[in-house]
């Protein structure tokens, strides 16, 4: 078992059992085709977009992320980022699905932290790698300080970094403890933390776990489930930024305090 991955109780056979309204198979096929077109477009634009100035680059990424989500039939309700803090910021969210990354990018694009397995995903793997993703090997704990150092370098360079400190995806009804290790990068650099809450609902307002990517769920299986749902709504709330506390006498105190404060903010409106 991975030393990084917590033993989440969420599994497809126990957490993804509620019935959701579905679209016809022809609509599902159309969504898959549009999704593929959006991904291919993203791959083609990755290199030139990286050379754009900051503001037009972020605008292009936001537009692409929203186009990808729209192609999948996802309606996005986005509470825009609050606060005037700019530059490097640790963007921290609860983790339910692979959809979480484009959802956050639709509001505040940034470098993502992802497990090394993502690099091997077909098509999406090269896309996220070319986008400047920081990869974490969850099976090798000794590499964690290097990963924290890489995140700190991105923050010092003025880049937002998106992390999911639960360490694994959860179904949305349940959640995991925010692990404090990655918050050390914010403490070391004095960067603010941007809490983000992600919730998935149906058109009638009922919560749904259909987009959850849990347990032994495969990417293609999860994708097929997402494109089948009728009226899937993703709610993304950016909460007020939290300043990093001053380093404490014990090395781990400040990051634990910051992790607890961030998790309390994220869970406060769920």
C-alpha atoms as a PDB file:
ATOM      1  CA  UNK A   1       0.000   0.000   0.000  1.00  0.00           C
ATOM      2  CA  UNK A   2       1.216   3.504  -0.797  1.00  0.00           C
ATOM      3  CA  UNK A   3       2.614   5.466   2.131  1.00  0.00           C
ATOM      4  CA  UNK A   4       1.023   8.593   0.693  1.00  0.00           C
ATOM      5  CA  UNK A   5      -2.400   7.246  -0.269  1.00  0.00           C
ATOM      6  CA  UNK A   6      -4.786   6.990   2.717  1.00  0.00           C
ATOM      7  CA  UNK A   7      -7.149   4.055   2.983  1.00  0.00           C
ATOM      8  CA  UNK A   8     -10.289   5.822   1.771  1.00  0.00           C
ATOM      9  CA  UNK A   9     -13.446   3.749   2.338  1.00  0.00           C
ATOM     10  CA  UNK A  10     -14.980   5.000  -0.933  1.00  0.00           C
ATOM     11  CA  UNK A  11     -15.448   2.306  -3.611  1.00  0.00           C
ATOM     12  CA  UNK A  12     -17.526   2.143  -6.798  1.00  0.00           C
ATOM     13  CA  UNK A  13     -19.724  -0.683  -5.469  1.00  0.00           C
ATOM     14  CA  UNK A  14     -20.675   1.223  -2.301  1.00  0.00           C
ATOM     15  CA  UNK A  15     -20.491   4.913  -3.227  1.00  0.00           C
ATOM     16  CA  UNK A  16     -21.714   5.016  -6.841  1.00  0.00           C
ATOM     17  CA  UNK A  17     -24.962   3.127  -6.497  1.00  0.00           C
ATOM     18  CA  UNK A  18     -27.602   5.864  -6.636  1.00  0.00           C
ATOM     19  CA  UNK A  19     -29.529   6.182  -9.884  1.00  0.00           C
ATOM     20  CA  UNK A  20     -28.948   9.328 -11.952  1.00  0.00           C
ATOM     21  CA  UNK A  21     -30.991  10.531 -14.931  1.00  0.00           C
ATOM     22  CA  UNK A  22     -29.232   9.578 -18.150  1.00  0.00           C
ATOM     23  CA  UNK A  23     -29.022  10.899 -21.696  1.00  0.00           C
ATOM     24  CA  UNK A  24     -29.497   8.680 -24.781  1.00  0.00           C
ATOM     25  CA  UNK A  25     -26.528   6.754 -26.166  1.00  0.00           C
ATOM     26  CA  UNK A  26     -26.300   9.037 -29.189  1.00  0.00           C
ATOM     27  CA  UNK A  27     -25.843  12.053 -26.903  1.00  0.00           C
ATOM     28  CA  UNK A  28     -23.147  10.169 -24.981  1.00  0.00           C
ATOM     29  CA  UNK A  29     -21.275   9.432 -28.206  1.00  0.00           C
ATOM     30  CA  UNK A  30     -21.506  13.089 -29.218  1.00  0.00           C
ATOM     31  CA  UNK A  31     -20.121  14.162 -25.849  1.00  0.00           C
ATOM     32  CA  UNK A  32     -17.211  11.764 -26.167  1.00  0.00           C
ATOM     33  CA  UNK A  33     -16.424  13.073 -29.647  1.00  0.00           C
ATOM     34  CA  UNK A  34     -16.535  16.695 -28.458  1.00  0.00           C
ATOM     35  CA  UNK A  35     -14.366  15.801 -25.447  1.00  0.00           C
ATOM     36  CA  UNK A  36     -11.769  14.192 -27.707  1.00  0.00           C
ATOM     37  CA  UNK A  37     -11.782  17.265 -29.930  1.00  0.00           C
ATOM     38  CA  UNK A  38     -11.278  19.527 -26.904  1.00  0.00           C
ATOM     39  CA  UNK A  39      -8.381  17.385 -25.620  1.00  0.00           C
ATOM     40  CA  UNK A  40      -6.680  17.282 -29.027  1.00  0.00           C
ATOM     41  CA  UNK A  41      -7.069  21.061 -29.301  1.00  0.00           C
ATOM     42  CA  UNK A  42      -5.540  21.436 -25.842  1.00  0.00           C
ATOM     43  CA  UNK A  43      -2.560  19.295 -26.797  1.00  0.00           C
ATOM     44  CA  UNK A  44      -2.037  21.291 -30.003  1.00  0.00           C
ATOM     45  CA  UNK A  45      -2.178  24.628 -28.160  1.00  0.00           C
ATOM     46  CA  UNK A  46      -0.093  23.682 -25.117  1.00  0.00           C
ATOM     47  CA  UNK A  47       3.298  24.732 -26.504  1.00  0.00           C
ATOM     48  CA  UNK A  48       2.282  28.086 -28.078  1.00  0.00           C
ATOM     49  CA  UNK A  49       0.108  29.030 -25.085  1.00  0.00           C
ATOM     50  CA  UNK A  50       3.073  28.603 -22.717  1.00  0.00           C
ATOM     51  CA  UNK A  51       4.841  31.462 -24.516  1.00  0.00           C
ATOM     52  CA  UNK A  52       1.956  33.910 -24.083  1.00  0.00           C
ATOM     53  CA  UNK A  53       2.073  36.631 -21.397  1.00  0.00           C
ATOM     54  CA  UNK A  54       0.465  35.740 -18.076  1.00  0.00           C
ATOM     55  CA  UNK A  55      -3.017  37.247 -18.524  1.00  0.00           C
ATOM     56  CA  UNK A  56      -3.794  36.013 -22.065  1.00  0.00           C
ATOM     57  CA  UNK A  57      -2.348  32.591 -21.175  1.00  0.00           C
ATOM     58  CA  UNK A  58      -4.643  32.251 -18.173  1.00  0.00           C
ATOM     59  CA  UNK A  59      -7.600  33.478 -20.219  1.00  0.00           C
ATOM     60  CA  UNK A  60      -6.929  30.812 -22.860  1.00  0.00           C
ATOM     61  CA  UNK A  61      -6.636  28.095 -20.212  1.00  0.00           C
ATOM     62  CA  UNK A  62      -9.904  29.165 -18.586  1.00  0.00           C
ATOM     63  CA  UNK A  63     -11.684  29.115 -21.941  1.00  0.00           C
ATOM     64  CA  UNK A  64     -10.276  25.687 -22.798  1.00  0.00           C
ATOM     65  CA  UNK A  65     -11.217  24.221 -19.394  1.00  0.00           C
ATOM     66  CA  UNK A  66     -14.783  25.486 -19.735  1.00  0.00           C
ATOM     67  CA  UNK A  67     -15.029  24.130 -23.283  1.00  0.00           C
ATOM     68  CA  UNK A  68     -13.833  20.707 -22.093  1.00  0.00           C
ATOM     69  CA  UNK A  69     -16.363  20.629 -19.260  1.00  0.00           C
ATOM     70  CA  UNK A  70     -19.163  21.788 -21.571  1.00  0.00           C
ATOM     71  CA  UNK A  71     -18.293  19.017 -24.026  1.00  0.00           C
ATOM     72  CA  UNK A  72     -18.850  16.475 -21.243  1.00  0.00           C
ATOM     73  CA  UNK A  73     -22.265  17.908 -20.411  1.00  0.00           C
ATOM     74  CA  UNK A  74     -21.119  19.527 -17.147  1.00  0.00           C
ATOM     75  CA  UNK A  75     -22.733  22.814 -16.119  1.00  0.00           C
ATOM     76  CA  UNK A  76     -20.247  24.863 -14.076  1.00  0.00           C
ATOM     77  CA  UNK A  77     -21.393  27.211 -11.326  1.00  0.00           C
ATOM     78  CA  UNK A  78     -18.314  29.147 -10.341  1.00  0.00           C
ATOM     79  CA  UNK A  79     -17.954  31.545  -7.426  1.00  0.00           C
ATOM     80  CA  UNK A  80     -15.014  33.554  -8.683  1.00  0.00           C
ATOM     81  CA  UNK A  81     -11.781  33.781  -6.661  1.00  0.00           C
ATOM     82  CA  UNK A  82     -11.976  36.268  -3.841  1.00  0.00           C
ATOM     83  CA  UNK A  83      -9.264  38.533  -2.506  1.00  0.00           C
ATOM     84  CA  UNK A  84      -6.707  40.631  -4.332  1.00  0.00           C
ATOM     85  CA  UNK A  85      -3.747  38.395  -3.568  1.00  0.00           C
ATOM     86  CA  UNK A  86      -1.696  37.725  -6.707  1.00  0.00           C
ATOM     87  CA  UNK A  87       1.399  35.770  -7.609  1.00  0.00           C
ATOM     88  CA  UNK A  88       2.302  32.436  -6.089  1.00  0.00           C
ATOM     89  CA  UNK A  89      -0.541  30.857  -4.163  1.00  0.00           C
ATOM     90  CA  UNK A  90      -1.253  27.331  -2.949  1.00  0.00           C
ATOM     91  CA  UNK A  91      -4.724  26.473  -4.290  1.00  0.00           C
ATOM     92  CA  UNK A  92      -6.185  23.719  -2.087  1.00  0.00           C
ATOM     93  CA  UNK A  93      -9.407  21.774  -2.718  1.00  0.00           C
ATOM     94  CA  UNK A  94     -11.275  18.669  -1.690  1.00  0.00           C
ATOM     95  CA  UNK A  95     -10.814  15.864  -4.211  1.00  0.00           C
ATOM     96  CA  UNK A  96     -13.682  13.930  -5.795  1.00  0.00           C
ATOM     97  CA  UNK A  97     -12.903  13.396  -9.471  1.00  0.00           C
ATOM     98  CA  UNK A  98     -10.473  13.906 -12.339  1.00  0.00           C
ATOM     99  CA  UNK A  99     -12.926  16.674 -13.287  1.00  0.00           C
ATOM    100  CA  UNK A 100     -11.668  18.702 -10.317  1.00  0.00           C
ATOM    101  CA  UNK A 101      -8.555  19.907 -12.176  1.00  0.00           C
ATOM    102  CA  UNK A 102     -10.319  21.499 -15.176  1.00  0.00           C
ATOM    103  CA  UNK A 103     -12.950  22.885 -12.785  1.00  0.00           C
ATOM    104  CA  UNK A 104     -10.314  24.787 -10.807  1.00  0.00           C
ATOM    105  CA  UNK A 105      -8.540  25.804 -14.013  1.00  0.00           C
ATOM    106  CA  UNK A 106     -11.822  27.343 -15.198  1.00  0.00           C
ATOM    107  CA  UNK A 107     -11.512  29.824 -12.339  1.00  0.00           C
ATOM    108  CA  UNK A 108      -7.847  30.076 -11.372  1.00  0.00           C
ATOM    109  CA  UNK A 109      -5.385  28.287 -13.674  1.00  0.00           C
ATOM    110  CA  UNK A 110      -2.144  27.086 -12.128  1.00  0.00           C
ATOM    111  CA  UNK A 111       0.439  24.343 -12.029  1.00  0.00           C
ATOM    112  CA  UNK A 112      -1.082  21.109 -10.731  1.00  0.00           C
ATOM    113  CA  UNK A 113       0.338  18.491  -8.418  1.00  0.00           C
ATOM    114  CA  UNK A 114      -0.559  15.009  -9.670  1.00  0.00           C
ATOM    115  CA  UNK A 115       0.373  11.396  -8.983  1.00  0.00           C
ATOM    116  CA  UNK A 116       3.020   9.976 -11.306  1.00  0.00           C
ATOM    117  CA  UNK A 117       0.485   7.511 -12.740  1.00  0.00           C
ATOM    118  CA  UNK A 118      -1.265  10.419 -14.489  1.00  0.00           C
ATOM    119  CA  UNK A 119       1.796  10.883 -16.699  1.00  0.00           C
ATOM    120  CA  UNK A 120       1.017   7.472 -18.272  1.00  0.00           C
ATOM    121  CA  UNK A 121      -2.630   8.231 -19.064  1.00  0.00           C
ATOM    122  CA  UNK A 122      -3.352   8.215 -22.831  1.00  0.00           C
ATOM    123  CA  UNK A 123      -3.534  11.710 -24.352  1.00  0.00           C
ATOM    124  CA  UNK A 124      -4.230  13.442 -21.002  1.00  0.00           C
ATOM    125  CA  UNK A 125      -0.866  12.352 -19.576  1.00  0.00           C
ATOM    126  CA  UNK A 126       1.273  14.297 -22.065  1.00  0.00           C
ATOM    127  CA  UNK A 127      -1.157  17.233 -21.841  1.00  0.00           C
ATOM    128  CA  UNK A 128      -0.789  17.691 -18.099  1.00  0.00           C
ATOM    129  CA  UNK A 129       2.975  17.081 -18.278  1.00  0.00           C
ATOM    130  CA  UNK A 130       3.445  19.774 -20.944  1.00  0.00           C
ATOM    131  CA  UNK A 131       1.325  22.103 -18.826  1.00  0.00           C
ATOM    132  CA  UNK A 132       3.993  22.198 -16.111  1.00  0.00           C
ATOM    133  CA  UNK A 133       2.484  19.653 -13.717  1.00  0.00           C
ATOM    134  CA  UNK A 134       4.537  18.723 -10.634  1.00  0.00           C
ATOM    135  CA  UNK A 135       4.406  14.940 -10.194  1.00  0.00           C
ATOM    136  CA  UNK A 136       4.346  13.133  -6.853  1.00  0.00           C
ATOM    137  CA  UNK A 137       5.462   9.514  -6.458  1.00  0.00           C
ATOM    138  CA  UNK A 138       3.154   8.367  -3.681  1.00  0.00           C
ATOM    139  CA  UNK A 139       4.953   5.017  -3.318  1.00  0.00           C
ATOM    140  CA  UNK A 140       8.309   6.599  -2.423  1.00  0.00           C
ATOM    141  CA  UNK A 141       8.041   8.681   0.721  1.00  0.00           C
ATOM    142  CA  UNK A 142      11.658   9.794   0.509  1.00  0.00           C
ATOM    143  CA  UNK A 143      10.818  11.828  -2.611  1.00  0.00           C
ATOM    144  CA  UNK A 144       8.232  13.927  -0.726  1.00  0.00           C
ATOM    145  CA  UNK A 145      10.714  16.626   0.441  1.00  0.00           C
ATOM    146  CA  UNK A 146      11.826  17.070  -3.182  1.00  0.00           C
ATOM    147  CA  UNK A 147       8.191  17.457  -4.235  1.00  0.00           C
ATOM    148  CA  UNK A 148       7.572  20.047  -1.507  1.00  0.00           C
ATOM    149  CA  UNK A 149      10.708  21.858  -2.703  1.00  0.00           C
ATOM    150  CA  UNK A 150       9.431  21.817  -6.304  1.00  0.00           C
ATOM    151  CA  UNK A 151       6.095  23.294  -5.206  1.00  0.00           C
ATOM    152  CA  UNK A 152       7.934  25.982  -3.206  1.00  0.00           C
ATOM    153  CA  UNK A 153       9.988  26.922  -6.280  1.00  0.00           C
ATOM    154  CA  UNK A 154       6.812  27.358  -8.312  1.00  0.00           C
ATOM    155  CA  UNK A 155       5.307  29.549  -5.592  1.00  0.00           C
ATOM    156  CA  UNK A 156       8.442  31.709  -5.406  1.00  0.00           C
ATOM    157  CA  UNK A 157       8.305  32.086  -9.194  1.00  0.00           C
ATOM    158  CA  UNK A 158       4.803  33.545  -8.847  1.00  0.00           C
ATOM    159  CA  UNK A 159       2.853  30.520 -10.123  1.00  0.00           C
ATOM    160  CA  UNK A 160      -0.322  29.261  -8.416  1.00  0.00           C
ATOM    161  CA  UNK A 161      -0.036  25.549  -7.578  1.00  0.00           C
ATOM    162  CA  UNK A 162      -3.141  23.353  -7.289  1.00  0.00           C
ATOM    163  CA  UNK A 163      -3.001  20.556  -4.698  1.00  0.00           C
ATOM    164  CA  UNK A 164      -5.452  18.044  -3.226  1.00  0.00           C
ATOM    165  CA  UNK A 165      -4.098  17.271   0.253  1.00  0.00           C
ATOM    166  CA  UNK A 166      -6.580  14.495   1.048  1.00  0.00           C
ATOM    167  CA  UNK A 167      -4.104  12.334  -0.864  1.00  0.00           C
ATOM    168  CA  UNK A 168      -6.842  10.463  -2.706  1.00  0.00           C
ATOM    169  CA  UNK A 169     -10.236  10.969  -4.291  1.00  0.00           C
ATOM    170  CA  UNK A 170     -13.328  10.598  -2.108  1.00  0.00           C
ATOM    171  CA  UNK A 171     -16.946  10.168  -3.165  1.00  0.00           C
ATOM    172  CA  UNK A 172     -18.085  13.630  -2.059  1.00  0.00           C
ATOM    173  CA  UNK A 173     -20.307  12.395   0.756  1.00  0.00           C
ATOM    174  CA  UNK A 174     -17.215  11.418   2.728  1.00  0.00           C
ATOM    175  CA  UNK A 175     -13.900  13.271   2.894  1.00  0.00           C
ATOM    176  CA  UNK A 176     -10.392  12.691   4.180  1.00  0.00           C
ATOM    177  CA  UNK A 177      -8.018  14.575   6.449  1.00  0.00           C
ATOM    178  CA  UNK A 178      -5.915  17.260   4.771  1.00  0.00           C
ATOM    179  CA  UNK A 179      -2.361  15.972   5.069  1.00  0.00           C
ATOM    180  CA  UNK A 180      -0.043  18.793   6.113  1.00  0.00           C
ATOM    181  CA  UNK A 181       3.176  17.993   4.205  1.00  0.00           C
ATOM    182  CA  UNK A 182       2.493  20.120   1.116  1.00  0.00           C
ATOM    183  CA  UNK A 183       1.466  23.101   3.240  1.00  0.00           C
ATOM    184  CA  UNK A 184       5.145  23.340   4.179  1.00  0.00           C
ATOM    185  CA  UNK A 185       5.750  24.937   0.759  1.00  0.00           C
ATOM    186  CA  UNK A 186       3.406  27.804   1.687  1.00  0.00           C
ATOM    187  CA  UNK A 187       5.045  28.191   5.110  1.00  0.00           C
ATOM    188  CA  UNK A 188       8.540  28.240   3.587  1.00  0.00           C
ATOM    189  CA  UNK A 189       7.625  30.854   0.979  1.00  0.00           C
ATOM    190  CA  UNK A 190       5.080  32.918   2.913  1.00  0.00           C
ATOM    191  CA  UNK A 191       2.513  32.209   0.183  1.00  0.00           C
ATOM    192  CA  UNK A 192      -1.222  32.541   0.762  1.00  0.00           C
ATOM    193  CA  UNK A 193      -3.465  29.469   0.596  1.00  0.00           C
ATOM    194  CA  UNK A 194      -6.651  29.625  -1.515  1.00  0.00           C
ATOM    195  CA  UNK A 195      -9.266  27.165  -0.181  1.00  0.00           C
ATOM    196  CA  UNK A 196     -11.656  25.779  -2.799  1.00  0.00           C
ATOM    197  CA  UNK A 197     -14.789  23.699  -2.274  1.00  0.00           C
ATOM    198  CA  UNK A 198     -16.014  21.406  -5.075  1.00  0.00           C
ATOM    199  CA  UNK A 199     -19.505  19.898  -5.040  1.00  0.00           C
ATOM    200  CA  UNK A 200     -21.380  17.871  -7.649  1.00  0.00           C
ATOM    201  CA  UNK A 201     -25.157  17.980  -7.992  1.00  0.00           C
ATOM    202  CA  UNK A 202     -27.925  17.048 -10.394  1.00  0.00           C
ATOM    203  CA  UNK A 203     -30.082  19.664 -12.086  1.00  0.00           C
ATOM    204  CA  UNK A 204     -32.734  19.341  -9.356  1.00  0.00           C
ATOM    205  CA  UNK A 205     -30.154  20.165  -6.660  1.00  0.00           C
ATOM    206  CA  UNK A 206     -29.614  16.657  -5.315  1.00  0.00           C
ATOM    207  CA  UNK A 207     -25.995  15.785  -4.473  1.00  0.00           C
ATOM    208  CA  UNK A 208     -24.517  13.093  -6.716  1.00  0.00           C
ATOM    209  CA  UNK A 209     -21.430  10.900  -6.529  1.00  0.00           C
ATOM    210  CA  UNK A 210     -21.613   9.966 -10.229  1.00  0.00           C
ATOM    211  CA  UNK A 211     -18.408  11.912 -11.129  1.00  0.00           C
ATOM    212  CA  UNK A 212     -16.438  10.360  -8.261  1.00  0.00           C
ATOM    213  CA  UNK A 213     -13.244   8.560  -9.277  1.00  0.00           C
ATOM    214  CA  UNK A 214     -12.655   6.172  -6.378  1.00  0.00           C
ATOM    215  CA  UNK A 215     -11.174   2.815  -5.479  1.00  0.00           C
ATOM    216  CA  UNK A 216     -10.341   0.643  -8.481  1.00  0.00           C
ATOM    217  CA  UNK A 217     -12.391   2.820 -10.823  1.00  0.00           C
ATOM    218  CA  UNK A 218     -10.805   3.120 -14.277  1.00  0.00           C
ATOM    219  CA  UNK A 219     -10.527   6.420 -16.140  1.00  0.00           C
ATOM    220  CA  UNK A 220     -12.553   5.197 -19.121  1.00  0.00           C
ATOM    221  CA  UNK A 221     -15.232   3.735 -16.846  1.00  0.00           C
ATOM    222  CA  UNK A 222     -15.496   7.020 -14.980  1.00  0.00           C
ATOM    223  CA  UNK A 223     -15.577   8.998 -18.234  1.00  0.00           C
ATOM    224  CA  UNK A 224     -18.413   6.828 -19.558  1.00  0.00           C
ATOM    225  CA  UNK A 225     -20.374   7.416 -16.350  1.00  0.00           C
ATOM    226  CA  UNK A 226     -19.890  11.204 -16.543  1.00  0.00           C
ATOM    227  CA  UNK A 227     -21.037  11.537 -20.168  1.00  0.00           C
ATOM    228  CA  UNK A 228     -24.122   9.433 -19.371  1.00  0.00           C
ATOM    229  CA  UNK A 229     -25.451  11.764 -16.659  1.00  0.00           C
ATOM    230  CA  UNK A 230     -28.206  14.205 -17.532  1.00  0.00           C
ATOM    231  CA  UNK A 231     -28.011  17.595 -15.818  1.00  0.00           C
ATOM    232  CA  UNK A 232     -24.658  17.229 -14.037  1.00  0.00           C
ATOM    233  CA  UNK A 233     -23.771  20.449 -12.197  1.00  0.00           C
ATOM    234  CA  UNK A 234     -20.370  21.251 -10.677  1.00  0.00           C
ATOM    235  CA  UNK A 235     -20.264  23.961  -8.013  1.00  0.00           C
ATOM    236  CA  UNK A 236     -16.839  25.492  -7.384  1.00  0.00           C
ATOM    237  CA  UNK A 237     -16.432  28.016  -4.565  1.00  0.00           C
ATOM    238  CA  UNK A 238     -13.200  29.973  -4.102  1.00  0.00           C
ATOM    239  CA  UNK A 239     -12.948  31.077  -0.479  1.00  0.00           C
ATOM    240  CA  UNK A 240     -10.973  33.973   1.043  1.00  0.00           C
ATOM    241  CA  UNK A 241      -7.194  33.344   0.961  1.00  0.00           C
ATOM    242  CA  UNK A 242      -5.509  32.294   4.199  1.00  0.00           C
ATOM    243  CA  UNK A 243      -2.065  33.723   5.039  1.00  0.00           C
ATOM    244  CA  UNK A 244       0.636  31.262   6.011  1.00  0.00           C
ATOM    245  CA  UNK A 245       1.434  31.412   9.743  1.00  0.00           C
ATOM    246  CA  UNK A 246       4.870  32.346  11.001  1.00  0.00           C
ATOM    247  CA  UNK A 247       7.246  29.368  11.359  1.00  0.00           C
ATOM    248  CA  UNK A 248       6.931  27.868  14.840  1.00  0.00           C
ATOM    249  CA  UNK A 249       9.568  26.464  17.202  1.00  0.00           C
ATOM    250  CA  UNK A 250       8.700  22.952  16.014  1.00  0.00           C
ATOM    251  CA  UNK A 251       9.195  22.426  12.295  1.00  0.00           C
ATOM    252  CA  UNK A 252       5.789  20.834  11.735  1.00  0.00           C
ATOM    253  CA  UNK A 253       3.546  23.112  13.849  1.00  0.00           C
ATOM    254  CA  UNK A 254       2.880  25.853  11.299  1.00  0.00           C
ATOM    255  CA  UNK A 255       1.970  23.530   8.438  1.00  0.00           C
ATOM    256  CA  UNK A 256      -0.381  21.503  10.632  1.00  0.00           C
ATOM    257  CA  UNK A 257      -2.092  24.688  11.758  1.00  0.00           C
ATOM    258  CA  UNK A 258      -2.436  25.822   8.137  1.00  0.00           C
ATOM    259  CA  UNK A 259      -3.802  22.431   7.013  1.00  0.00           C
ATOM    260  CA  UNK A 260      -6.440  22.459   9.774  1.00  0.00           C
ATOM    261  CA  UNK A 261      -7.509  26.032   8.988  1.00  0.00           C
ATOM    262  CA  UNK A 262      -7.791  25.269   5.270  1.00  0.00           C
ATOM    263  CA  UNK A 263      -9.794  22.092   5.798  1.00  0.00           C
ATOM    264  CA  UNK A 264     -12.168  23.918   8.155  1.00  0.00           C
ATOM    265  CA  UNK A 265     -12.750  26.572   5.466  1.00  0.00           C
ATOM    266  CA  UNK A 266     -13.341  23.995   2.717  1.00  0.00           C
ATOM    267  CA  UNK A 267     -15.712  21.906   4.805  1.00  0.00           C
ATOM    268  CA  UNK A 268     -17.528  24.923   6.243  1.00  0.00           C
ATOM    269  CA  UNK A 269     -19.860  25.233   3.242  1.00  0.00           C
ATOM    270  CA  UNK A 270     -20.118  21.615   2.149  1.00  0.00           C
END
